[in-house]
């Protein structure tokens, strides 16, 4: 099932209940065995999918809401596997994608399927798509192509390793910046200090959480913060005007992915903790 979520402004969000916030910005049950599920947001027309193949491969859907002959007719995609070993077939080529392995699928790529190596340990593919205005090559992103950045400190409880997978200095895209960040043992906070980026919408997919753990994800305008309690493999939509940061009760990793006016990672407006409420 693919949900369609309309855009929201900060004045409306400030009045939302917890249930309202979850319905508008959180996608639960994205990854279900043997299914393709997703959420489309009118914030920068992002469409995000969770794909869990078992014995048979699964193909990309073509939802009516994009009015296209195939999903990537006018779109591009970043892909990461957050499950067991998997395989992606794209236009006659086969790509082996391990846990946290990533790919870029260029505009016009048509015949695409996703498979698990072992259905007892199924792959779980997260596919983040956005509109595209140029043709770029489909690419399996190997570890040597990833830009790794160490951030934070143990004293601030925000030590983390950031992996830039689709970015201006490496595998390029039309509108997508895409990667994942692993929080170090003993740290809790991600993306701290916080920021906004008024020219891009961002989605966070939290994964590698134990079943009993949660991430408290903060959102909203800096002066009107709200929070969502997020479990393993759940997706948060963060509008361009919203801060986005969180803290976990245990170890976790998250995929960050943006789409909008540019792909410049550092195009952001920092927000001091002392200025938030």
C-alpha atoms as a PDB file:
ATOM      1  CA  UNK A   1       0.000   0.000   0.000  1.00  0.00           C
ATOM      2  CA  UNK A   2       1.216   3.489  -0.862  1.00  0.00           C
ATOM      3  CA  UNK A   3       0.000   6.359   1.308  1.00  0.00           C
ATOM      4  CA  UNK A   4      -0.398   9.859  -0.106  1.00  0.00           C
ATOM      5  CA  UNK A   5       0.425  12.639   2.363  1.00  0.00           C
ATOM      6  CA  UNK A   6      -0.340  16.296   1.698  1.00  0.00           C
ATOM      7  CA  UNK A   7       2.027  19.087   2.694  1.00  0.00           C
ATOM      8  CA  UNK A   8       1.598  20.859   6.030  1.00  0.00           C
ATOM      9  CA  UNK A   9       2.583  24.326   7.196  1.00  0.00           C
ATOM     10  CA  UNK A  10       4.183  25.117  10.572  1.00  0.00           C
ATOM     11  CA  UNK A  11       1.125  26.942  11.940  1.00  0.00           C
ATOM     12  CA  UNK A  12      -1.023  23.832  11.472  1.00  0.00           C
ATOM     13  CA  UNK A  13       1.638  21.523  12.891  1.00  0.00           C
ATOM     14  CA  UNK A  14       1.878  23.578  16.086  1.00  0.00           C
ATOM     15  CA  UNK A  15      -1.772  22.677  16.801  1.00  0.00           C
ATOM     16  CA  UNK A  16      -1.549  18.954  16.017  1.00  0.00           C
ATOM     17  CA  UNK A  17      -2.090  16.167  18.532  1.00  0.00           C
ATOM     18  CA  UNK A  18       0.342  13.266  18.801  1.00  0.00           C
ATOM     19  CA  UNK A  19      -1.983  11.164  16.636  1.00  0.00           C
ATOM     20  CA  UNK A  20      -2.172  13.957  14.042  1.00  0.00           C
ATOM     21  CA  UNK A  21       1.620  14.243  13.900  1.00  0.00           C
ATOM     22  CA  UNK A  22       2.077  10.514  13.452  1.00  0.00           C
ATOM     23  CA  UNK A  23      -0.531  10.359  10.699  1.00  0.00           C
ATOM     24  CA  UNK A  24       1.060  13.266   8.825  1.00  0.00           C
ATOM     25  CA  UNK A  25       4.791  12.592   9.205  1.00  0.00           C
ATOM     26  CA  UNK A  26       5.423   8.970  10.274  1.00  0.00           C
ATOM     27  CA  UNK A  27       5.143   5.865   8.078  1.00  0.00           C
ATOM     28  CA  UNK A  28       4.866   2.688  10.104  1.00  0.00           C
ATOM     29  CA  UNK A  29       4.741  -0.847   8.644  1.00  0.00           C
ATOM     30  CA  UNK A  30       6.813   0.199   5.647  1.00  0.00           C
ATOM     31  CA  UNK A  31       8.660  -3.128   5.495  1.00  0.00           C
ATOM     32  CA  UNK A  32       6.366  -6.161   5.322  1.00  0.00           C
ATOM     33  CA  UNK A  33       7.448  -9.641   4.154  1.00  0.00           C
ATOM     34  CA  UNK A  34       6.668 -10.252   0.496  1.00  0.00           C
ATOM     35  CA  UNK A  35       5.289  -6.756  -0.068  1.00  0.00           C
ATOM     36  CA  UNK A  36       6.061  -3.356  -1.579  1.00  0.00           C
ATOM     37  CA  UNK A  37       4.766  -0.487   0.569  1.00  0.00           C
ATOM     38  CA  UNK A  38       5.384   3.219   0.409  1.00  0.00           C
ATOM     39  CA  UNK A  39       4.520   6.787   1.191  1.00  0.00           C
ATOM     40  CA  UNK A  40       4.284   9.785  -1.133  1.00  0.00           C
ATOM     41  CA  UNK A  41       4.573  13.284   0.265  1.00  0.00           C
ATOM     42  CA  UNK A  42       3.687  16.470  -1.577  1.00  0.00           C
ATOM     43  CA  UNK A  43       6.709  18.064   0.112  1.00  0.00           C
ATOM     44  CA  UNK A  44       9.003  18.030  -2.962  1.00  0.00           C
ATOM     45  CA  UNK A  45       6.960  15.050  -4.317  1.00  0.00           C
ATOM     46  CA  UNK A  46       9.134  12.432  -2.657  1.00  0.00           C
ATOM     47  CA  UNK A  47       8.019   8.811  -2.958  1.00  0.00           C
ATOM     48  CA  UNK A  48       9.688   6.365  -0.540  1.00  0.00           C
ATOM     49  CA  UNK A  49       9.252   2.588  -0.707  1.00  0.00           C
ATOM     50  CA  UNK A  50       9.987  -0.409   1.494  1.00  0.00           C
ATOM     51  CA  UNK A  51      10.511  -3.687  -0.399  1.00  0.00           C
ATOM     52  CA  UNK A  52      10.957  -7.086   1.292  1.00  0.00           C
ATOM     53  CA  UNK A  53      11.245  -9.913  -1.271  1.00  0.00           C
ATOM     54  CA  UNK A  54      10.969 -13.514  -0.081  1.00  0.00           C
ATOM     55  CA  UNK A  55      11.032 -16.460  -2.518  1.00  0.00           C
ATOM     56  CA  UNK A  56      10.050 -14.389  -5.554  1.00  0.00           C
ATOM     57  CA  UNK A  57      11.451 -11.064  -6.787  1.00  0.00           C
ATOM     58  CA  UNK A  58       9.391  -7.913  -6.333  1.00  0.00           C
ATOM     59  CA  UNK A  59       9.051  -5.133  -8.899  1.00  0.00           C
ATOM     60  CA  UNK A  60       8.658  -1.390  -8.518  1.00  0.00           C
ATOM     61  CA  UNK A  61       5.018  -0.300  -8.600  1.00  0.00           C
ATOM     62  CA  UNK A  62       3.652   2.437 -10.848  1.00  0.00           C
ATOM     63  CA  UNK A  63       1.237   4.364  -8.618  1.00  0.00           C
ATOM     64  CA  UNK A  64      -1.505   6.367 -10.325  1.00  0.00           C
ATOM     65  CA  UNK A  65      -0.432   9.458  -8.400  1.00  0.00           C
ATOM     66  CA  UNK A  66       2.713   9.874 -10.532  1.00  0.00           C
ATOM     67  CA  UNK A  67       0.858   9.399 -13.866  1.00  0.00           C
ATOM     68  CA  UNK A  68       3.779   7.657 -15.592  1.00  0.00           C
ATOM     69  CA  UNK A  69       4.425   4.579 -17.729  1.00  0.00           C
ATOM     70  CA  UNK A  70       6.962   3.301 -15.184  1.00  0.00           C
ATOM     71  CA  UNK A  71       8.183   4.567 -11.823  1.00  0.00           C
ATOM     72  CA  UNK A  72      11.458   6.101 -12.989  1.00  0.00           C
ATOM     73  CA  UNK A  73      10.163   7.561 -16.248  1.00  0.00           C
ATOM     74  CA  UNK A  74      10.630  11.030 -14.752  1.00  0.00           C
ATOM     75  CA  UNK A  75      12.262  10.059 -11.456  1.00  0.00           C
ATOM     76  CA  UNK A  76      15.545   8.847  -9.985  1.00  0.00           C
ATOM     77  CA  UNK A  77      16.152   6.743  -6.883  1.00  0.00           C
ATOM     78  CA  UNK A  78      18.574   6.078  -4.079  1.00  0.00           C
ATOM     79  CA  UNK A  79      18.530   2.509  -2.759  1.00  0.00           C
ATOM     80  CA  UNK A  80      19.880   0.972   0.452  1.00  0.00           C
ATOM     81  CA  UNK A  81      19.471  -2.560   1.768  1.00  0.00           C
ATOM     82  CA  UNK A  82      18.661  -2.550   5.502  1.00  0.00           C
ATOM     83  CA  UNK A  83      18.103  -6.321   5.675  1.00  0.00           C
ATOM     84  CA  UNK A  84      19.887  -9.515   4.631  1.00  0.00           C
ATOM     85  CA  UNK A  85      21.891  -9.946   1.403  1.00  0.00           C
ATOM     86  CA  UNK A  86      19.956  -8.965  -1.700  1.00  0.00           C
ATOM     87  CA  UNK A  87      20.111  -8.609  -5.460  1.00  0.00           C
ATOM     88  CA  UNK A  88      18.823  -5.816  -7.692  1.00  0.00           C
ATOM     89  CA  UNK A  89      18.174  -6.377 -11.400  1.00  0.00           C
ATOM     90  CA  UNK A  90      18.010  -3.194 -13.481  1.00  0.00           C
ATOM     91  CA  UNK A  91      17.654  -3.158 -17.277  1.00  0.00           C
ATOM     92  CA  UNK A  92      19.366  -6.528 -17.701  1.00  0.00           C
ATOM     93  CA  UNK A  93      22.171  -5.958 -15.188  1.00  0.00           C
ATOM     94  CA  UNK A  94      22.491  -7.736 -11.846  1.00  0.00           C
ATOM     95  CA  UNK A  95      23.827  -6.015  -8.718  1.00  0.00           C
ATOM     96  CA  UNK A  96      24.599  -7.751  -5.421  1.00  0.00           C
ATOM     97  CA  UNK A  97      23.635  -5.457  -2.537  1.00  0.00           C
ATOM     98  CA  UNK A  98      24.682  -6.484   1.010  1.00  0.00           C
ATOM     99  CA  UNK A  99      23.400  -5.037   4.288  1.00  0.00           C
ATOM    100  CA  UNK A 100      23.857  -1.214   4.106  1.00  0.00           C
ATOM    101  CA  UNK A 101      24.885  -1.542   0.456  1.00  0.00           C
ATOM    102  CA  UNK A 102      23.627   1.335  -1.707  1.00  0.00           C
ATOM    103  CA  UNK A 103      22.743   2.086  -5.329  1.00  0.00           C
ATOM    104  CA  UNK A 104      21.686   4.961  -7.540  1.00  0.00           C
ATOM    105  CA  UNK A 105      19.010   4.259 -10.164  1.00  0.00           C
ATOM    106  CA  UNK A 106      18.971   6.847 -12.929  1.00  0.00           C
ATOM    107  CA  UNK A 107      15.989   8.379 -14.691  1.00  0.00           C
ATOM    108  CA  UNK A 108      14.604   6.115 -17.397  1.00  0.00           C
ATOM    109  CA  UNK A 109      15.672   2.847 -15.769  1.00  0.00           C
ATOM    110  CA  UNK A 110      12.678   0.605 -16.386  1.00  0.00           C
ATOM    111  CA  UNK A 111      12.982  -3.146 -15.833  1.00  0.00           C
ATOM    112  CA  UNK A 112      13.806  -3.218 -12.096  1.00  0.00           C
ATOM    113  CA  UNK A 113      13.316  -6.048  -9.605  1.00  0.00           C
ATOM    114  CA  UNK A 114      14.482  -6.806  -6.076  1.00  0.00           C
ATOM    115  CA  UNK A 115      15.331 -10.245  -4.675  1.00  0.00           C
ATOM    116  CA  UNK A 116      16.622 -11.835  -1.485  1.00  0.00           C
ATOM    117  CA  UNK A 117      19.557 -14.245  -1.478  1.00  0.00           C
ATOM    118  CA  UNK A 118      17.932 -16.206   1.371  1.00  0.00           C
ATOM    119  CA  UNK A 119      14.232 -15.840   2.160  1.00  0.00           C
ATOM    120  CA  UNK A 120      14.956 -16.884   5.752  1.00  0.00           C
ATOM    121  CA  UNK A 121      17.076 -13.733   6.063  1.00  0.00           C
ATOM    122  CA  UNK A 122      15.299 -11.479   3.570  1.00  0.00           C
ATOM    123  CA  UNK A 123      16.694  -8.310   2.114  1.00  0.00           C
ATOM    124  CA  UNK A 124      14.835  -5.106   2.953  1.00  0.00           C
ATOM    125  CA  UNK A 125      15.286  -2.453   0.289  1.00  0.00           C
ATOM    126  CA  UNK A 126      14.553   1.201   1.017  1.00  0.00           C
ATOM    127  CA  UNK A 127      13.968   3.071  -2.246  1.00  0.00           C
ATOM    128  CA  UNK A 128      13.871   6.882  -2.097  1.00  0.00           C
ATOM    129  CA  UNK A 129      12.649   8.519  -5.310  1.00  0.00           C
ATOM    130  CA  UNK A 130      12.348  12.121  -6.445  1.00  0.00           C
ATOM    131  CA  UNK A 131      11.665  13.904  -9.703  1.00  0.00           C
ATOM    132  CA  UNK A 132      14.623  14.151 -12.077  1.00  0.00           C
ATOM    133  CA  UNK A 133      15.454  16.337 -15.050  1.00  0.00           C
ATOM    134  CA  UNK A 134      18.548  14.612 -16.415  1.00  0.00           C
ATOM    135  CA  UNK A 135      19.770  11.132 -17.308  1.00  0.00           C
ATOM    136  CA  UNK A 136      22.554   9.809 -15.085  1.00  0.00           C
ATOM    137  CA  UNK A 137      23.970   6.263 -14.998  1.00  0.00           C
ATOM    138  CA  UNK A 138      22.667   3.581 -12.677  1.00  0.00           C
ATOM    139  CA  UNK A 139      25.493   2.846 -10.239  1.00  0.00           C
ATOM    140  CA  UNK A 140      26.288   0.242  -7.588  1.00  0.00           C
ATOM    141  CA  UNK A 141      27.990   2.324  -4.897  1.00  0.00           C
ATOM    142  CA  UNK A 142      30.965   0.381  -3.533  1.00  0.00           C
ATOM    143  CA  UNK A 143      32.557   1.242  -0.145  1.00  0.00           C
ATOM    144  CA  UNK A 144      35.474   3.075  -1.780  1.00  0.00           C
ATOM    145  CA  UNK A 145      32.959   5.452  -3.429  1.00  0.00           C
ATOM    146  CA  UNK A 146      31.413   6.502  -0.102  1.00  0.00           C
ATOM    147  CA  UNK A 147      32.613   9.662   1.637  1.00  0.00           C
ATOM    148  CA  UNK A 148      32.975   8.804   5.338  1.00  0.00           C
ATOM    149  CA  UNK A 149      32.893  11.612   7.914  1.00  0.00           C
ATOM    150  CA  UNK A 150      33.397  11.221  11.677  1.00  0.00           C
ATOM    151  CA  UNK A 151      31.242  13.615  13.704  1.00  0.00           C
ATOM    152  CA  UNK A 152      30.436  14.487  17.310  1.00  0.00           C
ATOM    153  CA  UNK A 153      32.096  13.387  20.536  1.00  0.00           C
ATOM    154  CA  UNK A 154      31.592  10.985  23.414  1.00  0.00           C
ATOM    155  CA  UNK A 155      31.309  13.902  25.852  1.00  0.00           C
ATOM    156  CA  UNK A 156      28.345  15.299  23.896  1.00  0.00           C
ATOM    157  CA  UNK A 157      26.813  11.804  23.487  1.00  0.00           C
ATOM    158  CA  UNK A 158      26.613  12.378  19.721  1.00  0.00           C
ATOM    159  CA  UNK A 159      29.592  10.501  18.281  1.00  0.00           C
ATOM    160  CA  UNK A 160      28.593   9.109  14.897  1.00  0.00           C
ATOM    161  CA  UNK A 161      29.917   8.025  11.512  1.00  0.00           C
ATOM    162  CA  UNK A 162      28.264   9.625   8.481  1.00  0.00           C
ATOM    163  CA  UNK A 163      28.389   7.888   5.094  1.00  0.00           C
ATOM    164  CA  UNK A 164      27.687  10.056   2.041  1.00  0.00           C
ATOM    165  CA  UNK A 165      26.634   7.690  -0.755  1.00  0.00           C
ATOM    166  CA  UNK A 166      24.923   9.905  -3.351  1.00  0.00           C
ATOM    167  CA  UNK A 167      26.580  13.308  -3.186  1.00  0.00           C
ATOM    168  CA  UNK A 168      28.147  16.047  -5.264  1.00  0.00           C
ATOM    169  CA  UNK A 169      31.698  14.777  -4.720  1.00  0.00           C
ATOM    170  CA  UNK A 170      30.959  11.194  -5.782  1.00  0.00           C
ATOM    171  CA  UNK A 171      27.947   9.432  -7.268  1.00  0.00           C
ATOM    172  CA  UNK A 172      25.882  12.309  -8.605  1.00  0.00           C
ATOM    173  CA  UNK A 173      22.145  12.739  -8.978  1.00  0.00           C
ATOM    174  CA  UNK A 174      19.700  15.281 -10.283  1.00  0.00           C
ATOM    175  CA  UNK A 175      18.038  16.180  -6.967  1.00  0.00           C
ATOM    176  CA  UNK A 176      18.849  13.513  -4.363  1.00  0.00           C
ATOM    177  CA  UNK A 177      21.441  13.550  -1.576  1.00  0.00           C
ATOM    178  CA  UNK A 178      21.527  10.178   0.181  1.00  0.00           C
ATOM    179  CA  UNK A 179      23.473   8.343   2.853  1.00  0.00           C
ATOM    180  CA  UNK A 180      23.340   6.807   6.298  1.00  0.00           C
ATOM    181  CA  UNK A 181      24.718   7.570   9.749  1.00  0.00           C
ATOM    182  CA  UNK A 182      25.618   5.059  12.449  1.00  0.00           C
ATOM    183  CA  UNK A 183      25.486   6.187  16.082  1.00  0.00           C
ATOM    184  CA  UNK A 184      28.430   4.914  18.134  1.00  0.00           C
ATOM    185  CA  UNK A 185      27.891   2.758  21.212  1.00  0.00           C
ATOM    186  CA  UNK A 186      27.336   4.969  24.247  1.00  0.00           C
ATOM    187  CA  UNK A 187      26.037   7.915  22.205  1.00  0.00           C
ATOM    188  CA  UNK A 188      22.380   8.783  21.693  1.00  0.00           C
ATOM    189  CA  UNK A 189      21.968  11.977  19.668  1.00  0.00           C
ATOM    190  CA  UNK A 190      21.958  12.301  15.892  1.00  0.00           C
ATOM    191  CA  UNK A 191      22.194  15.530  13.878  1.00  0.00           C
ATOM    192  CA  UNK A 192      23.103  17.595  16.903  1.00  0.00           C
ATOM    193  CA  UNK A 193      23.455  20.594  16.764  1.00  0.00           C
ATOM    194  CA  UNK A 194      20.225  20.691  14.766  1.00  0.00           C
ATOM    195  CA  UNK A 195      19.491  22.497  11.522  1.00  0.00           C
ATOM    196  CA  UNK A 196      16.911  23.189   8.864  1.00  0.00           C
ATOM    197  CA  UNK A 197      17.386  23.427   5.099  1.00  0.00           C
ATOM    198  CA  UNK A 198      14.715  25.548   3.508  1.00  0.00           C
ATOM    199  CA  UNK A 199      15.485  24.340  -0.020  1.00  0.00           C
ATOM    200  CA  UNK A 200      15.125  20.573   0.573  1.00  0.00           C
ATOM    201  CA  UNK A 201      12.750  18.098   2.172  1.00  0.00           C
ATOM    202  CA  UNK A 202      14.363  15.247   4.109  1.00  0.00           C
ATOM    203  CA  UNK A 203      13.281  11.770   5.145  1.00  0.00           C
ATOM    204  CA  UNK A 204      14.796   9.773   7.995  1.00  0.00           C
ATOM    205  CA  UNK A 205      14.559   5.982   8.037  1.00  0.00           C
ATOM    206  CA  UNK A 206      15.634   4.534  11.367  1.00  0.00           C
ATOM    207  CA  UNK A 207      16.927   0.945  11.347  1.00  0.00           C
ATOM    208  CA  UNK A 208      19.086  -1.580  13.211  1.00  0.00           C
ATOM    209  CA  UNK A 209      17.141  -0.850  16.420  1.00  0.00           C
ATOM    210  CA  UNK A 210      16.378  -3.664  18.842  1.00  0.00           C
ATOM    211  CA  UNK A 211      12.634  -4.371  19.183  1.00  0.00           C
ATOM    212  CA  UNK A 212      12.447  -2.833  22.659  1.00  0.00           C
ATOM    213  CA  UNK A 213      14.272   0.387  21.681  1.00  0.00           C
ATOM    214  CA  UNK A 214      12.893   3.634  20.284  1.00  0.00           C
ATOM    215  CA  UNK A 215      14.207   6.899  18.848  1.00  0.00           C
ATOM    216  CA  UNK A 216      12.646  10.140  20.048  1.00  0.00           C
ATOM    217  CA  UNK A 217      12.660  12.193  16.847  1.00  0.00           C
ATOM    218  CA  UNK A 218      12.217  15.948  17.228  1.00  0.00           C
ATOM    219  CA  UNK A 219      10.577  18.065  14.547  1.00  0.00           C
ATOM    220  CA  UNK A 220       8.783  21.373  14.022  1.00  0.00           C
ATOM    221  CA  UNK A 221       9.933  24.965  13.921  1.00  0.00           C
ATOM    222  CA  UNK A 222      12.846  25.655  16.280  1.00  0.00           C
ATOM    223  CA  UNK A 223      10.574  27.693  18.550  1.00  0.00           C
ATOM    224  CA  UNK A 224       7.750  25.083  18.450  1.00  0.00           C
ATOM    225  CA  UNK A 225       9.347  21.641  18.624  1.00  0.00           C
ATOM    226  CA  UNK A 226       7.333  18.437  18.717  1.00  0.00           C
ATOM    227  CA  UNK A 227       8.418  14.802  18.824  1.00  0.00           C
ATOM    228  CA  UNK A 228       7.624  11.399  17.356  1.00  0.00           C
ATOM    229  CA  UNK A 229       8.462   8.093  19.043  1.00  0.00           C
ATOM    230  CA  UNK A 230       9.913   5.915  16.278  1.00  0.00           C
ATOM    231  CA  UNK A 231      10.549   2.157  16.138  1.00  0.00           C
ATOM    232  CA  UNK A 232      12.818   0.064  13.922  1.00  0.00           C
ATOM    233  CA  UNK A 233      12.418   0.560  10.146  1.00  0.00           C
ATOM    234  CA  UNK A 234       9.975   3.436  10.467  1.00  0.00           C
ATOM    235  CA  UNK A 235      10.151   6.529   8.263  1.00  0.00           C
ATOM    236  CA  UNK A 236       9.857  10.200   9.231  1.00  0.00           C
ATOM    237  CA  UNK A 237       9.045  12.970   6.731  1.00  0.00           C
ATOM    238  CA  UNK A 238      10.764  16.247   7.604  1.00  0.00           C
ATOM    239  CA  UNK A 239       9.511  19.370   5.773  1.00  0.00           C
ATOM    240  CA  UNK A 240      12.092  21.929   4.704  1.00  0.00           C
ATOM    241  CA  UNK A 241      11.109  24.335   7.501  1.00  0.00           C
ATOM    242  CA  UNK A 242      11.430  21.713  10.252  1.00  0.00           C
ATOM    243  CA  UNK A 243      14.328  20.774  12.489  1.00  0.00           C
ATOM    244  CA  UNK A 244      15.115  17.062  12.494  1.00  0.00           C
ATOM    245  CA  UNK A 245      17.159  15.378  15.175  1.00  0.00           C
ATOM    246  CA  UNK A 246      16.704  12.639  17.697  1.00  0.00           C
ATOM    247  CA  UNK A 247      18.015  10.466  20.501  1.00  0.00           C
ATOM    248  CA  UNK A 248      17.736   6.715  20.887  1.00  0.00           C
ATOM    249  CA  UNK A 249      17.334   4.422  23.863  1.00  0.00           C
ATOM    250  CA  UNK A 250      19.829   2.014  22.272  1.00  0.00           C
ATOM    251  CA  UNK A 251      22.114   1.587  19.279  1.00  0.00           C
ATOM    252  CA  UNK A 252      20.701   2.568  15.887  1.00  0.00           C
ATOM    253  CA  UNK A 253      21.467   3.735  12.375  1.00  0.00           C
ATOM    254  CA  UNK A 254      19.437   6.007  10.129  1.00  0.00           C
ATOM    255  CA  UNK A 255      19.204   6.746   6.435  1.00  0.00           C
ATOM    256  CA  UNK A 256      19.020  10.421   5.569  1.00  0.00           C
ATOM    257  CA  UNK A 257      17.792  11.429   2.133  1.00  0.00           C
ATOM    258  CA  UNK A 258      16.907  14.831   0.727  1.00  0.00           C
ATOM    259  CA  UNK A 259      15.322  16.162  -2.441  1.00  0.00           C
ATOM    260  CA  UNK A 260      14.632  19.697  -3.556  1.00  0.00           C
ATOM    261  CA  UNK A 261      16.368  22.654  -5.116  1.00  0.00           C
ATOM    262  CA  UNK A 262      19.935  21.353  -4.775  1.00  0.00           C
ATOM    263  CA  UNK A 263      22.079  18.431  -3.624  1.00  0.00           C
ATOM    264  CA  UNK A 264      24.563  20.470  -1.577  1.00  0.00           C
ATOM    265  CA  UNK A 265      24.993  18.653   1.730  1.00  0.00           C
ATOM    266  CA  UNK A 266      26.172  21.732   3.632  1.00  0.00           C
ATOM    267  CA  UNK A 267      23.290  23.928   2.447  1.00  0.00           C
ATOM    268  CA  UNK A 268      21.688  24.146   5.875  1.00  0.00           C
ATOM    269  CA  UNK A 269      20.823  26.681   8.551  1.00  0.00           C
ATOM    270  CA  UNK A 270      22.148  25.690  11.965  1.00  0.00           C
ATOM    271  CA  UNK A 271      19.986  26.108  15.056  1.00  0.00           C
ATOM    272  CA  UNK A 272      21.522  26.489  18.500  1.00  0.00           C
ATOM    273  CA  UNK A 273      20.090  24.365  21.299  1.00  0.00           C
ATOM    274  CA  UNK A 274      19.644  27.543  23.336  1.00  0.00           C
ATOM    275  CA  UNK A 275      17.338  28.960  20.643  1.00  0.00           C
ATOM    276  CA  UNK A 276      14.929  26.013  20.650  1.00  0.00           C
ATOM    277  CA  UNK A 277      11.761  25.604  22.655  1.00  0.00           C
END
